[in-house]
Amino acid sequence: MDLNSIMSSQLTDLQQTVQMSVLKNAMNMETVAAIGLLEDMPQVSAPHPYKGSVVDIQA
């Protein structure tokens, strides 16, 4: 192999590594933002579907 082909191969590997690193950092930032939004949501508990209501069990 000549030097140009070795350097080209190494450059391609480096570009893929950088792209994966950028993608991973972007996903981490989006995850942190999503967690922040979820934590900032008001904590309202949903009513129980039948507890406290009258249920007719006669056939």
Protein backbone atom coordinates (compact mmCIF):
# COMPACT_ATOMS: atom_id res chain seq x y z
CA MET A 1 0.00 0.00 0.00
CA ASP A 2 1.22 3.47 -0.73
CA LEU A 3 1.21 6.32 1.74
CA ASN A 4 -1.78 8.09 0.14
CA SER A 5 -4.04 5.07 0.46
CA ILE A 6 -2.99 4.52 4.11
CA MET A 7 -3.67 8.16 4.96
CA SER A 8 -7.00 8.06 3.11
CA SER A 9 -8.07 5.00 5.08
CA GLN A 10 -7.03 6.63 8.35
CA LEU A 11 -8.89 9.82 7.44
CA THR A 12 -12.05 7.85 6.70
CA ASP A 13 -11.76 6.10 10.07
CA LEU A 14 -11.22 9.43 11.82
CA GLN A 15 -14.25 10.97 10.11
CA GLN A 16 -16.44 8.06 11.21
CA THR A 17 -15.13 8.35 14.76
CA VAL A 18 -15.84 12.08 14.88
CA GLN A 19 -19.33 11.59 13.43
CA MET A 20 -20.14 8.95 16.05
CA SER A 21 -18.79 11.19 18.81
CA VAL A 22 -20.88 14.14 17.63
CA LEU A 23 -23.97 11.93 17.33
CA LYS A 24 -23.42 10.52 20.82
CA ASN A 25 -23.02 14.00 22.31
CA ALA A 26 -26.16 15.23 20.55
CA MET A 27 -28.16 12.26 21.85
CA ASN A 28 -26.86 12.87 25.38
CA MET A 29 -27.86 16.54 25.22
CA GLU A 30 -31.33 15.65 23.95
CA THR A 31 -31.70 13.05 26.71
CA VAL A 32 -30.71 15.59 29.35
CA ALA A 33 -33.19 18.09 27.90
CA ALA A 34 -35.98 15.48 27.88
CA ILE A 35 -35.25 14.51 31.48
CA GLY A 36 -35.33 18.18 32.45
CA LEU A 37 -38.72 18.62 30.79
CA LEU A 38 -40.09 15.52 32.53
CA GLU A 39 -38.81 16.70 35.90
CA ASP A 40 -40.36 20.14 35.40
CA MET A 41 -43.80 18.71 34.62
CA PRO A 42 -46.35 19.17 37.37
CA GLN A 43 -46.79 16.04 39.43
CA VAL A 44 -50.55 15.46 39.16
CA SER A 45 -51.72 12.03 40.14
CA ALA A 46 -54.42 10.50 38.01
CA PRO A 47 -57.64 9.51 39.76
CA HIS A 48 -58.12 5.83 40.45
CA PRO A 49 -60.47 4.31 37.84
CA TYR A 50 -62.96 2.86 40.34
CA LYS A 51 -61.76 3.51 43.90
CA GLY A 52 -64.21 5.72 45.76
CA SER A 53 -67.02 5.22 43.27
CA VAL A 54 -70.06 2.98 43.50
CA VAL A 55 -69.74 -0.26 41.55
CA ASP A 56 -72.90 -2.26 40.80
CA ILE A 57 -72.05 -5.96 41.00
CA GLN A 58 -75.59 -7.34 40.75
CA ALA A 59 -76.22 -9.59 37.75
